[in-house]
Amino acid sequence: MESICTVARTRNWITDLVALPDSHCIVAGCMDGKLVVADTKSLSPVEVVEAAKSAIWSIALDPTGERLALGTRKHGFQIISTKGWAEKAASQAAELAKVRPPSPKAE
């Protein structure tokens, strides 16, 4: 299998991924305690969040998609709000579409 593209880069290992419902957002948990939010539609990073003081080992999404539970290396678990991420991604995608023409579609 071949990689299609790289959407976002991190400074450290990615330990877990979760997709936010009703959006094109993917959230990556990293060994440096950061969450990296990327938009798979615009193929762009959206936000980097300093979420934990130690490595994020796992991520669980609540049923509403409004919060993430992060399992961390040293500090138990934390609850993080996802509020605004999908809206920021959609706004950013609209701005990028103005300067980046859409790809031709195969017939």
PDB file of N, CA and C in Angstrom:
ATOM      1  N   MET A   1       0.845  -1.163   0.000  1.00  0.00           N
ATOM      2  CA  MET A   1       0.000   0.000   0.000  1.00  0.00           C
ATOM      3  C   MET A   1       0.898   1.236   0.000  1.00  0.00           C
ATOM      4  N   GLU A   2       0.502   2.228  -0.757  1.00  0.00           N
ATOM      5  CA  GLU A   2       1.283   3.448  -0.902  1.00  0.00           C
ATOM      6  C   GLU A   2       0.581   4.624  -0.222  1.00  0.00           C
ATOM      7  N   SER A   3       1.354   5.474   0.436  1.00  0.00           N
ATOM      8  CA  SER A   3       0.796   6.663   1.067  1.00  0.00           C
ATOM      9  C   SER A   3       0.316   7.635  -0.007  1.00  0.00           C
ATOM     10  N   ILE A   4      -0.838   8.231   0.230  1.00  0.00           N
ATOM     11  CA  ILE A   4      -1.376   9.208  -0.720  1.00  0.00           C
ATOM     12  C   ILE A   4      -0.719  10.563  -0.518  1.00  0.00           C
ATOM     13  N   CYS A   5      -0.627  11.003   0.738  1.00  0.00           N
ATOM     14  CA  CYS A   5      -0.001  12.287   1.042  1.00  0.00           C
ATOM     15  C   CYS A   5       0.203  12.412   2.544  1.00  0.00           C
ATOM     16  N   THR A   6       0.995  13.392   2.942  1.00  0.00           N
ATOM     17  CA  THR A   6       1.161  13.729   4.347  1.00  0.00           C
ATOM     18  C   THR A   6       0.320  14.968   4.612  1.00  0.00           C
ATOM     19  N   VAL A   7      -0.565  14.877   5.598  1.00  0.00           N
ATOM     20  CA  VAL A   7      -1.481  15.983   5.895  1.00  0.00           C
ATOM     21  C   VAL A   7      -0.883  16.920   6.931  1.00  0.00           C
ATOM     22  N   ALA A   8      -0.252  16.369   7.951  1.00  0.00           N
ATOM     23  CA  ALA A   8       0.352  17.178   9.004  1.00  0.00           C
ATOM     24  C   ALA A   8       1.573  16.439   9.535  1.00  0.00           C
ATOM     25  N   ARG A   9       2.502  17.173  10.061  1.00  0.00           N
ATOM     26  CA  ARG A   9       3.695  16.582  10.648  1.00  0.00           C
ATOM     27  C   ARG A   9       3.713  16.864  12.142  1.00  0.00           C
ATOM     28  N   THR A  10       4.347  15.963  12.878  1.00  0.00           N
ATOM     29  CA  THR A  10       4.498  16.147  14.313  1.00  0.00           C
ATOM     30  C   THR A  10       5.970  16.092  14.651  1.00  0.00           C
ATOM     31  N   ARG A  11       6.324  16.598  15.824  1.00  0.00           N
ATOM     32  CA  ARG A  11       7.729  16.576  16.236  1.00  0.00           C
ATOM     33  C   ARG A  11       8.078  15.269  16.927  1.00  0.00           C
ATOM     34  N   ASN A  12       7.067  14.461  17.241  1.00  0.00           N
ATOM     35  CA  ASN A  12       7.302  13.242  17.985  1.00  0.00           C
ATOM     36  C   ASN A  12       6.379  12.152  17.472  1.00  0.00           C
ATOM     37  N   TRP A  13       6.504  10.956  18.011  1.00  0.00           N
ATOM     38  CA  TRP A  13       5.689   9.830  17.574  1.00  0.00           C
ATOM     39  C   TRP A  13       4.207  10.089  17.781  1.00  0.00           C
ATOM     40  N   ILE A  14       3.412   9.586  16.857  1.00  0.00           N
ATOM     41  CA  ILE A  14       1.963   9.569  17.013  1.00  0.00           C
ATOM     42  C   ILE A  14       1.603   8.244  17.654  1.00  0.00           C
ATOM     43  N   THR A  15       0.842   8.310  18.728  1.00  0.00           N
ATOM     44  CA  THR A  15       0.492   7.102  19.468  1.00  0.00           C
ATOM     45  C   THR A  15      -0.940   6.649  19.240  1.00  0.00           C
ATOM     46  N   ASP A  16      -1.820   7.572  18.843  1.00  0.00           N
ATOM     47  CA  ASP A  16      -3.214   7.213  18.626  1.00  0.00           C
ATOM     48  C   ASP A  16      -3.862   8.243  17.713  1.00  0.00           C
ATOM     49  N   LEU A  17      -4.878   7.808  16.978  1.00  0.00           N
ATOM     50  CA  LEU A  17      -5.639   8.683  16.091  1.00  0.00           C
ATOM     51  C   LEU A  17      -7.119   8.500  16.360  1.00  0.00           C
ATOM     52  N   VAL A  18      -7.868   9.573  16.178  1.00  0.00           N
ATOM     53  CA  VAL A  18      -9.326   9.493  16.287  1.00  0.00           C
ATOM     54  C   VAL A  18      -9.918  10.463  15.259  1.00  0.00           C
ATOM     55  N   ALA A  19     -11.023  10.048  14.634  1.00  0.00           N
ATOM     56  CA  ALA A  19     -11.733  10.901  13.680  1.00  0.00           C
ATOM     57  C   ALA A  19     -12.908  11.553  14.395  1.00  0.00           C
ATOM     58  N   LEU A  20     -13.054  12.864  14.219  1.00  0.00           N
ATOM     59  CA  LEU A  20     -14.198  13.567  14.809  1.00  0.00           C
ATOM     60  C   LEU A  20     -15.417  13.368  13.924  1.00  0.00           C
ATOM     61  N   PRO A  21     -16.555  13.009  14.511  1.00  0.00           N
ATOM     62  CA  PRO A  21     -17.755  12.775  13.705  1.00  0.00           C
ATOM     63  C   PRO A  21     -18.262  14.054  13.053  1.00  0.00           C
ATOM     64  N   ASP A  22     -18.936  13.883  11.938  1.00  0.00           N
ATOM     65  CA  ASP A  22     -19.551  14.999  11.211  1.00  0.00           C
ATOM     66  C   ASP A  22     -18.552  16.068  10.801  1.00  0.00           C
ATOM     67  N   SER A  23     -17.328  15.663  10.517  1.00  0.00           N
ATOM     68  CA  SER A  23     -16.296  16.593  10.064  1.00  0.00           C
ATOM     69  C   SER A  23     -15.267  15.805   9.262  1.00  0.00           C
ATOM     70  N   HIS A  24     -14.264  16.505   8.811  1.00  0.00           N
ATOM     71  CA  HIS A  24     -13.145  15.867   8.113  1.00  0.00           C
ATOM     72  C   HIS A  24     -11.897  15.904   8.991  1.00  0.00           C
ATOM     73  N   CYS A  25     -12.088  16.053  10.297  1.00  0.00           N
ATOM     74  CA  CYS A  25     -10.960  16.205  11.219  1.00  0.00           C
ATOM     75  C   CYS A  25     -10.463  14.873  11.766  1.00  0.00           C
ATOM     76  N   ILE A  26      -9.168  14.747  11.777  1.00  0.00           N
ATOM     77  CA  ILE A  26      -8.470  13.642  12.424  1.00  0.00           C
ATOM     78  C   ILE A  26      -7.627  14.263  13.527  1.00  0.00           C
ATOM     79  N   VAL A  27      -7.621  13.645  14.709  1.00  0.00           N
ATOM     80  CA  VAL A  27      -6.814  14.132  15.832  1.00  0.00           C
ATOM     81  C   VAL A  27      -5.765  13.076  16.142  1.00  0.00           C
ATOM     82  N   ALA A  28      -4.514  13.516  16.190  1.00  0.00           N
ATOM     83  CA  ALA A  28      -3.401  12.624  16.518  1.00  0.00           C
ATOM     84  C   ALA A  28      -2.895  12.961  17.910  1.00  0.00           C
ATOM     85  N   GLY A  29      -2.731  11.942  18.745  1.00  0.00           N
ATOM     86  CA  GLY A  29      -2.107  12.111  20.055  1.00  0.00           C
ATOM     87  C   GLY A  29      -0.626  11.769  19.927  1.00  0.00           C
ATOM     88  N   CYS A  30       0.221  12.572  20.547  1.00  0.00           N
ATOM     89  CA  CYS A  30       1.660  12.419  20.356  1.00  0.00           C
ATOM     90  C   CYS A  30       2.407  12.152  21.658  1.00  0.00           C
ATOM     91  N   MET A  31       3.607  11.626  21.533  1.00  0.00           N
ATOM     92  CA  MET A  31       4.455  11.316  22.677  1.00  0.00           C
ATOM     93  C   MET A  31       4.871  12.563  23.453  1.00  0.00           C
ATOM     94  N   ASP A  32       4.846  13.726  22.828  1.00  0.00           N
ATOM     95  CA  ASP A  32       5.237  14.955  23.525  1.00  0.00           C
ATOM     96  C   ASP A  32       4.060  15.616  24.236  1.00  0.00           C
ATOM     97  N   GLY A  33       2.900  14.945  24.287  1.00  0.00           N
ATOM     98  CA  GLY A  33       1.733  15.478  24.987  1.00  0.00           C
ATOM     99  C   GLY A  33       0.874  16.407  24.154  1.00  0.00           C
ATOM    100  N   LYS A  34       1.185  16.543  22.881  1.00  0.00           N
ATOM    101  CA  LYS A  34       0.411  17.430  22.014  1.00  0.00           C
ATOM    102  C   LYS A  34      -0.634  16.652  21.240  1.00  0.00           C
ATOM    103  N   LEU A  35      -1.719  17.354  20.913  1.00  0.00           N
ATOM    104  CA  LEU A  35      -2.717  16.862  19.976  1.00  0.00           C
ATOM    105  C   LEU A  35      -2.549  17.655  18.688  1.00  0.00           C
ATOM    106  N   VAL A  36      -2.512  16.962  17.570  1.00  0.00           N
ATOM    107  CA  VAL A  36      -2.422  17.612  16.268  1.00  0.00           C
ATOM    108  C   VAL A  36      -3.735  17.338  15.544  1.00  0.00           C
ATOM    109  N   VAL A  37      -4.429  18.411  15.184  1.00  0.00           N
ATOM    110  CA  VAL A  37      -5.708  18.308  14.482  1.00  0.00           C
ATOM    111  C   VAL A  37      -5.440  18.612  13.010  1.00  0.00           C
ATOM    112  N   ALA A  38      -5.910  17.723  12.131  1.00  0.00           N
ATOM    113  CA  ALA A  38      -5.715  17.909  10.694  1.00  0.00           C
ATOM    114  C   ALA A  38      -7.033  17.688   9.971  1.00  0.00           C
ATOM    115  N   ASP A  39      -7.173  18.360   8.835  1.00  0.00           N
ATOM    116  CA  ASP A  39      -8.372  18.265   8.018  1.00  0.00           C
ATOM    117  C   ASP A  39      -8.069  17.412   6.795  1.00  0.00           C
ATOM    118  N   THR A  40      -8.762  16.283   6.657  1.00  0.00           N
ATOM    119  CA  THR A  40      -8.501  15.391   5.537  1.00  0.00           C
ATOM    120  C   THR A  40      -9.125  15.879   4.231  1.00  0.00           C
ATOM    121  N   LYS A  41     -10.026  16.842   4.308  1.00  0.00           N
ATOM    122  CA  LYS A  41     -10.621  17.389   3.080  1.00  0.00           C
ATOM    123  C   LYS A  41      -9.679  18.396   2.432  1.00  0.00           C
ATOM    124  N   SER A  42      -9.181  19.336   3.216  1.00  0.00           N
ATOM    125  CA  SER A  42      -8.258  20.343   2.667  1.00  0.00           C
ATOM    126  C   SER A  42      -6.816  19.847   2.679  1.00  0.00           C
ATOM    127  N   LEU A  43      -6.585  18.694   3.328  1.00  0.00           N
ATOM    128  CA  LEU A  43      -5.244  18.114   3.460  1.00  0.00           C
ATOM    129  C   LEU A  43      -4.285  19.083   4.134  1.00  0.00           C
ATOM    130  N   SER A  44      -4.779  19.689   5.223  1.00  0.00           N
ATOM    131  CA  SER A  44      -3.996  20.702   5.929  1.00  0.00           C
ATOM    132  C   SER A  44      -4.081  20.515   7.437  1.00  0.00           C
ATOM    133  N   PRO A  45      -3.003  20.895   8.146  1.00  0.00           N
ATOM    134  CA  PRO A  45      -3.092  20.924   9.609  1.00  0.00           C
ATOM    135  C   PRO A  45      -4.024  22.051  10.034  1.00  0.00           C
ATOM    136  N   VAL A  46      -4.726  21.839  11.146  1.00  0.00           N
ATOM    137  CA  VAL A  46      -5.684  22.833  11.636  1.00  0.00           C
ATOM    138  C   VAL A  46      -5.174  23.494  12.909  1.00  0.00           C
ATOM    139  N   GLU A  47      -4.704  22.677  13.840  1.00  0.00           N
ATOM    140  CA  GLU A  47      -4.312  23.211  15.142  1.00  0.00           C
ATOM    141  C   GLU A  47      -3.397  22.216  15.857  1.00  0.00           C
ATOM    142  N   VAL A  48      -2.513  22.745  16.681  1.00  0.00           N
ATOM    143  CA  VAL A  48      -1.701  21.935  17.588  1.00  0.00           C
ATOM    144  C   VAL A  48      -2.043  22.392  19.002  1.00  0.00           C
ATOM    145  N   VAL A  49      -2.417  21.434  19.862  1.00  0.00           N
ATOM    146  CA  VAL A  49      -2.867  21.747  21.210  1.00  0.00           C
ATOM    147  C   VAL A  49      -1.910  21.122  22.220  1.00  0.00           C
ATOM    148  N   GLU A  50      -1.400  21.946  23.146  1.00  0.00           N
ATOM    149  CA  GLU A  50      -0.604  21.435  24.270  1.00  0.00           C
ATOM    150  C   GLU A  50      -1.593  20.811  25.242  1.00  0.00           C
ATOM    151  N   ALA A  51      -1.809  19.510  25.140  1.00  0.00           N
ATOM    152  CA  ALA A  51      -2.902  18.871  25.863  1.00  0.00           C
ATOM    153  C   ALA A  51      -2.490  18.200  27.164  1.00  0.00           C
ATOM    154  N   ALA A  52      -1.306  17.637  27.227  1.00  0.00           N
ATOM    155  CA  ALA A  52      -0.902  16.861  28.404  1.00  0.00           C
ATOM    156  C   ALA A  52       0.547  17.171  28.765  1.00  0.00           C
ATOM    157  N   LYS A  53       0.893  16.905  30.007  1.00  0.00           N
ATOM    158  CA  LYS A  53       2.257  17.157  30.482  1.00  0.00           C
ATOM    159  C   LYS A  53       3.169  15.958  30.274  1.00  0.00           C
ATOM    160  N   SER A  54       2.603  14.879  29.764  1.00  0.00           N
ATOM    161  CA  SER A  54       3.404  13.698  29.440  1.00  0.00           C
ATOM    162  C   SER A  54       2.823  13.061  28.180  1.00  0.00           C
ATOM    163  N   ALA A  55       3.429  11.980  27.743  1.00  0.00           N
ATOM    164  CA  ALA A  55       3.019  11.323  26.506  1.00  0.00           C
ATOM    165  C   ALA A  55       1.550  10.919  26.525  1.00  0.00           C
ATOM    166  N   ILE A  56       0.902  11.127  25.392  1.00  0.00           N
ATOM    167  CA  ILE A  56      -0.476  10.659  25.215  1.00  0.00           C
ATOM    168  C   ILE A  56      -0.377   9.239  24.664  1.00  0.00           C
ATOM    169  N   TRP A  57      -0.942   8.294  25.396  1.00  0.00           N
ATOM    170  CA  TRP A  57      -0.876   6.894  24.966  1.00  0.00           C
ATOM    171  C   TRP A  57      -2.156   6.428  24.297  1.00  0.00           C
ATOM    172  N   SER A  58      -3.274   7.056  24.620  1.00  0.00           N
ATOM    173  CA  SER A  58      -4.523   6.642  23.992  1.00  0.00           C
ATOM    174  C   SER A  58      -5.512   7.801  23.979  1.00  0.00           C
ATOM    175  N   ILE A  59      -6.443   7.730  23.028  1.00  0.00           N
ATOM    176  CA  ILE A  59      -7.493   8.741  22.895  1.00  0.00           C
ATOM    177  C   ILE A  59      -8.820   8.013  22.736  1.00  0.00           C
ATOM    178  N   ALA A  60      -9.830   8.477  23.453  1.00  0.00           N
ATOM    179  CA  ALA A  60     -11.190   7.965  23.283  1.00  0.00           C
ATOM    180  C   ALA A  60     -12.114   9.145  23.052  1.00  0.00           C
ATOM    181  N   LEU A  61     -12.998   9.014  22.100  1.00  0.00           N
ATOM    182  CA  LEU A  61     -13.958  10.052  21.759  1.00  0.00           C
ATOM    183  C   LEU A  61     -15.273   9.778  22.475  1.00  0.00           C
ATOM    184  N   ASP A  62     -15.858  10.811  23.090  1.00  0.00           N
ATOM    185  CA  ASP A  62     -17.158  10.589  23.732  1.00  0.00           C
ATOM    186  C   ASP A  62     -18.236  10.464  22.653  1.00  0.00           C
ATOM    187  N   PRO A  63     -19.385   9.904  22.981  1.00  0.00           N
ATOM    188  CA  PRO A  63     -20.420   9.655  21.966  1.00  0.00           C
ATOM    189  C   PRO A  63     -20.893  10.905  21.220  1.00  0.00           C
ATOM    190  N   THR A  64     -20.813  12.067  21.832  1.00  0.00           N
ATOM    191  CA  THR A  64     -21.259  13.290  21.168  1.00  0.00           C
ATOM    192  C   THR A  64     -20.196  13.877  20.251  1.00  0.00           C
ATOM    193  N   GLY A  65     -18.947  13.449  20.405  1.00  0.00           N
ATOM    194  CA  GLY A  65     -17.847  14.003  19.623  1.00  0.00           C
ATOM    195  C   GLY A  65     -17.353  15.334  20.146  1.00  0.00           C
ATOM    196  N   GLU A  66     -17.865  15.759  21.308  1.00  0.00           N
ATOM    197  CA  GLU A  66     -17.512  17.066  21.851  1.00  0.00           C
ATOM    198  C   GLU A  66     -16.306  17.039  22.781  1.00  0.00           C
ATOM    199  N   ARG A  67     -15.901  15.830  23.207  1.00  0.00           N
ATOM    200  CA  ARG A  67     -14.769  15.727  24.132  1.00  0.00           C
ATOM    201  C   ARG A  67     -13.931  14.500  23.811  1.00  0.00           C
ATOM    202  N   LEU A  68     -12.653  14.612  24.151  1.00  0.00           N
ATOM    203  CA  LEU A  68     -11.735  13.486  24.046  1.00  0.00           C
ATOM    204  C   LEU A  68     -11.232  13.147  25.437  1.00  0.00           C
ATOM    205  N   ALA A  69     -11.098  11.873  25.717  1.00  0.00           N
ATOM    206  CA  ALA A  69     -10.416  11.433  26.930  1.00  0.00           C
ATOM    207  C   ALA A  69      -9.029  10.997  26.488  1.00  0.00           C
ATOM    208  N   LEU A  70      -8.016  11.545  27.148  1.00  0.00           N
ATOM    209  CA  LEU A  70      -6.629  11.228  26.826  1.00  0.00           C
ATOM    210  C   LEU A  70      -6.028  10.396  27.941  1.00  0.00           C
ATOM    211  N   GLY A  71      -5.498   9.247  27.609  1.00  0.00           N
ATOM    212  CA  GLY A  71      -4.735   8.454  28.563  1.00  0.00           C
ATOM    213  C   GLY A  71      -3.287   8.872  28.440  1.00  0.00           C
ATOM    214  N   THR A  72      -2.674   9.304  29.548  1.00  0.00           N
ATOM    215  CA  THR A  72      -1.305   9.820  29.481  1.00  0.00           C
ATOM    216  C   THR A  72      -0.331   8.944  30.257  1.00  0.00           C
ATOM    217  N   ARG A  73       0.943   9.144  29.990  1.00  0.00           N
ATOM    218  CA  ARG A  73       1.982   8.319  30.590  1.00  0.00           C
ATOM    219  C   ARG A  73       2.101   8.525  32.093  1.00  0.00           C
ATOM    220  N   LYS A  74       2.123   9.762  32.540  1.00  0.00           N
ATOM    221  CA  LYS A  74       2.378  10.042  33.952  1.00  0.00           C
ATOM    222  C   LYS A  74       1.203  10.629  34.717  1.00  0.00           C
ATOM    223  N   HIS A  75       0.236  11.165  34.053  1.00  0.00           N
ATOM    224  CA  HIS A  75      -0.779  11.965  34.732  1.00  0.00           C
ATOM    225  C   HIS A  75      -2.190  11.414  34.586  1.00  0.00           C
ATOM    226  N   GLY A  76      -2.336  10.103  34.508  1.00  0.00           N
ATOM    227  CA  GLY A  76      -3.675   9.515  34.448  1.00  0.00           C
ATOM    228  C   GLY A  76      -4.377   9.828  33.149  1.00  0.00           C
ATOM    229  N   PHE A  77      -5.571  10.399  33.251  1.00  0.00           N
ATOM    230  CA  PHE A  77      -6.258  10.796  32.028  1.00  0.00           C
ATOM    231  C   PHE A  77      -6.841  12.180  32.173  1.00  0.00           C
ATOM    232  N   GLN A  78      -7.027  12.803  31.016  1.00  0.00           N
ATOM    233  CA  GLN A  78      -7.566  14.151  30.950  1.00  0.00           C
ATOM    234  C   GLN A  78      -8.737  14.167  29.986  1.00  0.00           C
ATOM    235  N   ILE A  79      -9.631  15.115  30.184  1.00  0.00           N
ATOM    236  CA  ILE A  79     -10.746  15.344  29.266  1.00  0.00           C
ATOM    237  C   ILE A  79     -10.467  16.659  28.540  1.00  0.00           C
ATOM    238  N   ILE A  80     -10.532  16.628  27.220  1.00  0.00           N
ATOM    239  CA  ILE A  80     -10.253  17.797  26.380  1.00  0.00           C
ATOM    240  C   ILE A  80     -11.468  18.089  25.509  1.00  0.00           C
ATOM    241  N   SER A  81     -11.849  19.348  25.386  1.00  0.00           N
ATOM    242  CA  SER A  81     -12.950  19.755  24.524  1.00  0.00           C
ATOM    243  C   SER A  81     -12.482  19.819  23.067  1.00  0.00           C
ATOM    244  N   THR A  82     -13.339  19.392  22.159  1.00  0.00           N
ATOM    245  CA  THR A  82     -13.044  19.488  20.727  1.00  0.00           C
ATOM    246  C   THR A  82     -13.725  20.707  20.107  1.00  0.00           C
ATOM    247  N   LYS A  83     -14.333  21.519  20.945  1.00  0.00           N
ATOM    248  CA  LYS A  83     -15.119  22.665  20.479  1.00  0.00           C
ATOM    249  C   LYS A  83     -14.283  23.567  19.562  1.00  0.00           C
ATOM    250  N   GLY A  84     -14.846  23.875  18.431  1.00  0.00           N
ATOM    251  CA  GLY A  84     -14.232  24.807  17.498  1.00  0.00           C
ATOM    252  C   GLY A  84     -13.321  24.182  16.459  1.00  0.00           C
ATOM    253  N   TRP A  85     -12.880  22.968  16.666  1.00  0.00           N
ATOM    254  CA  TRP A  85     -11.928  22.362  15.718  1.00  0.00           C
ATOM    255  C   TRP A  85     -12.554  22.136  14.349  1.00  0.00           C
ATOM    256  N   ALA A  86     -13.739  21.554  14.293  1.00  0.00           N
ATOM    257  CA  ALA A  86     -14.391  21.275  13.011  1.00  0.00           C
ATOM    258  C   ALA A  86     -14.729  22.575  12.286  1.00  0.00           C
ATOM    259  N   GLU A  87     -15.189  23.579  13.034  1.00  0.00           N
ATOM    260  CA  GLU A  87     -15.516  24.867  12.428  1.00  0.00           C
ATOM    261  C   GLU A  87     -14.259  25.547  11.881  1.00  0.00           C
ATOM    262  N   LYS A  88     -13.177  25.468  12.629  1.00  0.00           N
ATOM    263  CA  LYS A  88     -11.916  26.057  12.169  1.00  0.00           C
ATOM    264  C   LYS A  88     -11.430  25.351  10.908  1.00  0.00           C
ATOM    265  N   ALA A  89     -11.554  24.031  10.876  1.00  0.00           N
ATOM    266  CA  ALA A  89     -11.143  23.259   9.699  1.00  0.00           C
ATOM    267  C   ALA A  89     -11.979  23.636   8.487  1.00  0.00           C
ATOM    268  N   ALA A  90     -13.296  23.760   8.656  1.00  0.00           N
ATOM    269  CA  ALA A  90     -14.178  24.113   7.545  1.00  0.00           C
ATOM    270  C   ALA A  90     -13.876  25.518   7.030  1.00  0.00           C
ATOM    271  N   SER A  91     -13.644  26.449   7.930  1.00  0.00           N
ATOM    272  CA  SER A  91     -13.310  27.820   7.541  1.00  0.00           C
ATOM    273  C   SER A  91     -11.974  27.862   6.799  1.00  0.00           C
ATOM    274  N   GLN A  92     -11.016  27.139   7.327  1.00  0.00           N
ATOM    275  CA  GLN A  92      -9.695  27.085   6.696  1.00  0.00           C
ATOM    276  C   GLN A  92      -9.787  26.446   5.308  1.00  0.00           C
ATOM    277  N   ALA A  93     -10.583  25.382   5.169  1.00  0.00           N
ATOM    278  CA  ALA A  93     -10.759  24.710   3.879  1.00  0.00           C
ATOM    279  C   ALA A  93     -11.374  25.665   2.854  1.00  0.00           C
ATOM    280  N   ALA A  94     -12.348  26.475   3.290  1.00  0.00           N
ATOM    281  CA  ALA A  94     -12.971  27.438   2.387  1.00  0.00           C
ATOM    282  C   ALA A  94     -11.966  28.486   1.923  1.00  0.00           C
ATOM    283  N   GLU A  95     -11.117  28.953   2.827  1.00  0.00           N
ATOM    284  CA  GLU A  95     -10.085  29.930   2.459  1.00  0.00           C
ATOM    285  C   GLU A  95      -9.062  29.320   1.505  1.00  0.00           C
ATOM    286  N   LEU A  96      -8.658  28.082   1.780  1.00  0.00           N
ATOM    287  CA  LEU A  96      -7.695  27.407   0.906  1.00  0.00           C
ATOM    288  C   LEU A  96      -8.271  27.167  -0.483  1.00  0.00           C
ATOM    289  N   ALA A  97      -9.565  26.877  -0.564  1.00  0.00           N
ATOM    290  CA  ALA A  97     -10.204  26.634  -1.850  1.00  0.00           C
ATOM    291  C   ALA A  97     -10.164  27.873  -2.750  1.00  0.00           C
ATOM    292  N   LYS A  98     -10.093  29.049  -2.142  1.00  0.00           N
ATOM    293  CA  LYS A  98     -10.021  30.293  -2.919  1.00  0.00           C
ATOM    294  C   LYS A  98      -8.675  30.440  -3.621  1.00  0.00           C
ATOM    295  N   VAL A  99      -7.611  29.916  -2.992  1.00  0.00           N
ATOM    296  CA  VAL A  99      -6.271  30.081  -3.561  1.00  0.00           C
ATOM    297  C   VAL A  99      -5.712  28.799  -4.170  1.00  0.00           C
ATOM    298  N   ARG A 100      -6.318  27.678  -3.847  1.00  0.00           N
ATOM    299  CA  ARG A 100      -5.865  26.388  -4.362  1.00  0.00           C
ATOM    300  C   ARG A 100      -6.991  25.801  -5.193  1.00  0.00           C
ATOM    301  N   PRO A 101      -6.859  25.783  -6.521  1.00  0.00           N
ATOM    302  CA  PRO A 101      -7.962  25.262  -7.347  1.00  0.00           C
ATOM    303  C   PRO A 101      -8.219  23.787  -7.054  1.00  0.00           C
ATOM    304  N   PRO A 102      -9.464  23.364  -7.218  1.00  0.00           N
ATOM    305  CA  PRO A 102      -9.783  21.954  -6.969  1.00  0.00           C
ATOM    306  C   PRO A 102      -9.090  21.043  -7.976  1.00  0.00           C
ATOM    307  N   SER A 103      -8.835  19.824  -7.561  1.00  0.00           N
ATOM    308  CA  SER A 103      -8.209  18.832  -8.431  1.00  0.00           C
ATOM    309  C   SER A 103      -9.212  18.397  -9.493  1.00  0.00           C
ATOM    310  N   PRO A 104      -8.713  18.104 -10.700  1.00  0.00           N
ATOM    311  CA  PRO A 104      -9.640  17.605 -11.730  1.00  0.00           C
ATOM    312  C   PRO A 104     -10.210  16.252 -11.316  1.00  0.00           C
ATOM    313  N   LYS A 105     -11.444  16.022 -11.657  1.00  0.00           N
ATOM    314  CA  LYS A 105     -12.096  14.766 -11.304  1.00  0.00           C
ATOM    315  C   LYS A 105     -11.978  13.786 -12.454  1.00  0.00           C
ATOM    316  N   ALA A 106     -11.719  12.537 -12.101  1.00  0.00           N
ATOM    317  CA  ALA A 106     -11.636  11.493 -13.113  1.00  0.00           C
ATOM    318  C   ALA A 106     -13.027  11.188 -13.644  1.00  0.00           C
ATOM    319  N   GLU A 107     -13.122  10.950 -14.928  1.00  0.00           N
ATOM    320  CA  GLU A 107     -14.424  10.616 -15.519  1.00  0.00           C
ATOM    321  C   GLU A 107     -14.567   9.144 -15.690  1.00  0.00           C
TER     322      GLU A 107
END
